[in-house]
N, C-alpha and C. Protein backbone atom coordinates (compact mmCIF):
# COMPACT_ATOMS: atom_id res chain seq x y z
N VAL A 1 57.29 68.73 41.64
CA VAL A 1 58.63 68.26 41.92
C VAL A 1 59.41 69.34 42.68
N GLN A 2 59.17 70.60 42.36
CA GLN A 2 59.86 71.68 43.08
C GLN A 2 59.49 71.66 44.55
N ALA A 3 58.24 71.32 44.86
CA ALA A 3 57.83 71.24 46.27
C ALA A 3 58.61 70.16 47.00
N LEU A 4 58.83 69.03 46.34
CA LEU A 4 59.63 67.96 46.94
C LEU A 4 61.06 68.43 47.18
N ALA A 5 61.64 69.04 46.16
CA ALA A 5 63.04 69.46 46.23
C ALA A 5 63.29 70.48 47.33
N THR A 6 62.28 71.30 47.63
CA THR A 6 62.45 72.28 48.70
C THR A 6 62.12 71.69 50.07
N GLY A 7 61.70 70.43 50.09
CA GLY A 7 61.46 69.75 51.36
C GLY A 7 60.10 70.00 51.97
N LEU A 8 59.09 70.17 51.14
CA LEU A 8 57.75 70.34 51.68
C LEU A 8 57.09 68.98 51.91
N ALA A 9 56.38 68.86 53.00
CA ALA A 9 55.52 67.70 53.22
C ALA A 9 54.24 68.00 52.45
N LEU A 10 53.80 67.07 51.63
CA LEU A 10 52.66 67.32 50.76
C LEU A 10 51.39 66.70 51.30
N VAL A 11 50.32 67.46 51.29
CA VAL A 11 48.99 66.96 51.59
C VAL A 11 48.15 67.36 50.39
N VAL A 12 47.78 66.36 49.59
CA VAL A 12 47.14 66.62 48.30
C VAL A 12 46.00 65.65 48.06
N SER A 13 45.13 66.01 47.12
CA SER A 13 44.08 65.09 46.70
C SER A 13 44.69 64.02 45.80
N ASP A 14 44.18 62.82 45.91
CA ASP A 14 44.67 61.69 45.12
C ASP A 14 44.09 61.77 43.71
N ILE A 15 44.70 62.65 42.93
CA ILE A 15 44.23 62.90 41.57
C ILE A 15 45.43 63.24 40.70
N GLY A 16 45.33 62.90 39.44
CA GLY A 16 46.39 63.25 38.50
C GLY A 16 47.73 62.63 38.87
N GLY A 17 48.78 63.41 38.68
CA GLY A 17 50.13 62.92 38.90
C GLY A 17 50.62 62.98 40.33
N PHE A 18 49.77 63.41 41.26
CA PHE A 18 50.22 63.51 42.65
C PHE A 18 50.67 62.16 43.21
N ALA A 19 50.06 61.08 42.75
CA ALA A 19 50.43 59.75 43.26
C ALA A 19 51.88 59.41 42.93
N ASP A 20 52.43 60.02 41.88
CA ASP A 20 53.84 59.80 41.54
C ASP A 20 54.76 60.56 42.49
N LEU A 21 54.27 61.64 43.07
CA LEU A 21 55.09 62.50 43.91
C LEU A 21 55.02 62.16 45.39
N VAL A 22 53.86 61.68 45.81
CA VAL A 22 53.63 61.47 47.24
C VAL A 22 53.68 59.98 47.57
N ARG A 23 54.56 59.65 48.49
CA ARG A 23 54.57 58.31 49.08
C ARG A 23 53.72 58.42 50.33
N ASN A 24 52.50 57.97 50.21
CA ASN A 24 51.50 58.17 51.26
C ASN A 24 52.01 57.70 52.62
N GLY A 25 52.05 58.63 53.56
CA GLY A 25 52.50 58.31 54.91
C GLY A 25 54.00 58.40 55.09
N GLU A 26 54.75 58.71 54.02
CA GLU A 26 56.20 58.83 54.12
C GLU A 26 56.68 60.26 53.89
N ASN A 27 56.20 60.89 52.83
CA ASN A 27 56.59 62.28 52.57
C ASN A 27 55.37 63.19 52.44
N GLY A 28 54.22 62.63 52.71
CA GLY A 28 52.99 63.40 52.62
C GLY A 28 51.79 62.48 52.69
N PHE A 29 50.65 63.05 52.37
CA PHE A 29 49.41 62.28 52.39
C PHE A 29 48.63 62.49 51.10
N LEU A 30 48.11 61.40 50.57
CA LEU A 30 47.16 61.45 49.47
C LEU A 30 45.77 61.32 50.08
N CYS A 31 44.93 62.30 49.83
CA CYS A 31 43.59 62.31 50.41
C CYS A 31 42.56 62.02 49.33
N PRO A 32 41.48 61.33 49.69
CA PRO A 32 40.42 61.11 48.71
C PRO A 32 39.91 62.45 48.17
N VAL A 33 39.61 62.46 46.89
CA VAL A 33 39.12 63.68 46.24
C VAL A 33 37.85 64.16 46.93
N GLN A 34 37.79 65.43 47.20
CA GLN A 34 36.64 66.12 47.80
C GLN A 34 36.30 65.64 49.21
N ASP A 35 37.28 65.12 49.93
CA ASP A 35 37.05 64.73 51.32
C ASP A 35 37.77 65.73 52.23
N GLU A 36 37.09 66.84 52.48
CA GLU A 36 37.69 67.93 53.24
C GLU A 36 38.04 67.52 54.67
N ALA A 37 37.26 66.63 55.25
CA ALA A 37 37.50 66.21 56.64
C ALA A 37 38.84 65.47 56.76
N ILE A 38 39.10 64.55 55.85
CA ILE A 38 40.38 63.82 55.90
C ILE A 38 41.53 64.76 55.57
N PHE A 39 41.33 65.64 54.60
CA PHE A 39 42.36 66.61 54.23
C PHE A 39 42.74 67.45 55.46
N ALA A 40 41.74 67.97 56.15
CA ALA A 40 42.00 68.79 57.34
C ALA A 40 42.66 67.97 58.45
N GLU A 41 42.24 66.73 58.63
CA GLU A 41 42.83 65.87 59.66
C GLU A 41 44.29 65.60 59.37
N ARG A 42 44.63 65.36 58.10
CA ARG A 42 46.02 65.09 57.72
C ARG A 42 46.89 66.34 57.95
N LEU A 43 46.38 67.50 57.59
CA LEU A 43 47.11 68.74 57.84
C LEU A 43 47.34 68.93 59.34
N ARG A 44 46.29 68.73 60.11
CA ARG A 44 46.36 68.89 61.56
C ARG A 44 47.38 67.92 62.16
N SER A 45 47.40 66.69 61.65
CA SER A 45 48.32 65.69 62.21
C SER A 45 49.78 66.10 61.99
N LEU A 46 50.06 66.73 60.87
CA LEU A 46 51.44 67.19 60.62
C LEU A 46 51.77 68.42 61.46
N LEU A 47 50.83 69.33 61.58
CA LEU A 47 51.07 70.54 62.36
C LEU A 47 51.25 70.24 63.84
N CYS A 48 50.63 69.17 64.31
CA CYS A 48 50.72 68.80 65.73
C CYS A 48 51.89 67.87 66.03
N SER A 49 52.62 67.46 65.00
CA SER A 49 53.73 66.53 65.20
C SER A 49 54.97 67.04 64.46
N PRO A 50 55.73 67.93 65.08
CA PRO A 50 56.92 68.49 64.42
C PRO A 50 57.93 67.43 63.98
N ASP A 51 58.06 66.35 64.75
CA ASP A 51 59.01 65.30 64.36
C ASP A 51 58.57 64.59 63.08
N ARG A 52 57.28 64.30 63.00
CA ARG A 52 56.76 63.66 61.79
C ARG A 52 56.87 64.60 60.60
N LEU A 53 56.55 65.86 60.81
CA LEU A 53 56.67 66.85 59.74
C LEU A 53 58.11 66.90 59.22
N GLN A 54 59.07 66.92 60.13
CA GLN A 54 60.48 66.95 59.72
C GLN A 54 60.86 65.69 58.95
N ALA A 55 60.38 64.54 59.39
CA ALA A 55 60.67 63.28 58.69
C ALA A 55 60.09 63.31 57.28
N PHE A 56 58.89 63.84 57.13
CA PHE A 56 58.27 63.97 55.81
C PHE A 56 59.08 64.90 54.92
N ARG A 57 59.58 65.99 55.51
CA ARG A 57 60.37 66.96 54.73
C ARG A 57 61.65 66.32 54.20
N VAL A 58 62.31 65.56 55.05
CA VAL A 58 63.54 64.86 54.63
C VAL A 58 63.20 63.85 53.53
N ALA A 59 62.12 63.11 53.71
CA ALA A 59 61.71 62.11 52.71
C ALA A 59 61.36 62.77 51.37
N SER A 60 60.77 63.95 51.41
CA SER A 60 60.45 64.66 50.17
C SER A 60 61.71 65.01 49.40
N ARG A 61 62.72 65.52 50.11
CA ARG A 61 63.98 65.86 49.44
C ARG A 61 64.61 64.61 48.81
N GLU A 62 64.57 63.51 49.54
CA GLU A 62 65.13 62.26 49.02
C GLU A 62 64.37 61.80 47.77
N HIS A 63 63.05 61.85 47.83
CA HIS A 63 62.22 61.40 46.70
C HIS A 63 62.42 62.30 45.48
N ALA A 64 62.69 63.57 45.69
CA ALA A 64 62.89 64.51 44.58
C ALA A 64 64.08 64.11 43.72
N ARG A 65 65.04 63.41 44.29
CA ARG A 65 66.22 62.99 43.52
C ARG A 65 65.85 62.06 42.37
N HIS A 66 64.73 61.34 42.50
CA HIS A 66 64.29 60.44 41.44
C HIS A 66 63.84 61.21 40.20
N PHE A 67 63.55 62.49 40.36
CA PHE A 67 63.08 63.31 39.26
C PHE A 67 64.17 64.22 38.71
N ASP A 68 65.39 64.06 39.22
CA ASP A 68 66.54 64.84 38.77
C ASP A 68 66.88 64.46 37.33
N LEU A 69 67.23 65.44 36.51
CA LEU A 69 67.51 65.19 35.10
C LEU A 69 68.63 64.17 34.92
N GLU A 70 69.68 64.25 35.72
CA GLU A 70 70.79 63.30 35.59
C GLU A 70 70.33 61.88 35.92
N HIS A 71 69.48 61.75 36.93
CA HIS A 71 68.96 60.43 37.30
C HIS A 71 68.11 59.85 36.17
N ILE A 72 67.26 60.67 35.60
CA ILE A 72 66.39 60.22 34.50
C ILE A 72 67.22 59.86 33.28
N ALA A 73 68.22 60.69 32.95
CA ALA A 73 69.08 60.41 31.80
C ALA A 73 69.84 59.10 32.00
N ALA A 74 70.32 58.85 33.22
CA ALA A 74 71.03 57.60 33.50
C ALA A 74 70.10 56.40 33.35
N ALA A 75 68.86 56.55 33.76
CA ALA A 75 67.90 55.45 33.62
C ALA A 75 67.62 55.16 32.15
N TYR A 76 67.44 56.21 31.35
CA TYR A 76 67.24 56.01 29.91
C TYR A 76 68.47 55.38 29.27
N ASP A 77 69.64 55.83 29.67
CA ASP A 77 70.88 55.28 29.13
C ASP A 77 70.98 53.79 29.43
N ALA A 78 70.62 53.40 30.64
CA ALA A 78 70.68 51.98 31.01
C ALA A 78 69.74 51.15 30.15
N VAL A 79 68.56 51.69 29.87
CA VAL A 79 67.61 50.97 29.02
C VAL A 79 68.16 50.86 27.60
N LEU A 80 68.66 51.97 27.09
CA LEU A 80 69.17 51.97 25.72
C LEU A 80 70.40 51.08 25.57
N GLN A 81 71.24 51.02 26.58
CA GLN A 81 72.42 50.16 26.52
C GLN A 81 72.03 48.69 26.45
N GLY A 82 70.90 48.35 27.01
CA GLY A 82 70.44 46.97 27.01
C GLY A 82 69.74 46.55 25.73
N MET A 83 69.47 47.50 24.85
CA MET A 83 68.77 47.18 23.60
C MET A 83 69.75 46.63 22.57
N GLN A 84 69.26 45.72 21.77
CA GLN A 84 70.06 45.18 20.69
C GLN A 84 69.89 46.07 19.46
N PRO A 85 70.98 46.34 18.74
CA PRO A 85 70.83 47.15 17.53
C PRO A 85 70.00 46.41 16.49
N VAL A 86 69.24 47.16 15.75
CA VAL A 86 68.40 46.60 14.70
C VAL A 86 69.02 46.97 13.37
N SER A 87 69.30 45.98 12.57
CA SER A 87 69.87 46.24 11.26
C SER A 87 68.75 46.24 10.23
N THR A 88 68.80 47.20 9.34
CA THR A 88 67.80 47.25 8.27
C THR A 88 68.29 46.50 7.04
N PHE A 89 69.52 46.01 7.10
CA PHE A 89 70.09 45.29 5.98
C PHE A 89 70.23 43.81 6.33
N SER A 90 69.91 42.99 5.39
CA SER A 90 70.07 41.56 5.58
C SER A 90 71.53 41.21 5.40
N GLU A 91 72.01 40.28 6.19
CA GLU A 91 73.40 39.85 6.05
C GLU A 91 73.54 38.81 4.96
N GLU A 92 72.44 38.32 4.44
CA GLU A 92 72.50 37.34 3.37
C GLU A 92 72.59 38.06 2.03
N PRO A 93 73.38 37.53 1.12
CA PRO A 93 73.50 38.19 -0.19
C PRO A 93 72.19 38.11 -0.97
N LEU A 94 71.98 39.11 -1.78
CA LEU A 94 70.79 39.13 -2.63
C LEU A 94 70.95 38.09 -3.73
N THR A 95 69.89 37.45 -4.09
CA THR A 95 69.95 36.45 -5.18
C THR A 95 69.13 36.88 -6.35
């Protein structure tokens, strides 16, 4: 997430949590695991295209906002506000 926040274009293997961070073709590239040729080609494509690299950097900063603590807290709050309270007591009198 720190890499996104600093505006890095990411070129990573499609493994683990990277798929949550990288929007393939928007802020970086997800490469097949152990495919060095595609990894190198993706790096080369960014290095040879400064405009695309800059667009990826901007997109990374934008995507990083989704991982901001305030954003996450607001999302949890919205979910919790929509929940109905659960009462452990019956409203009917005991007989």
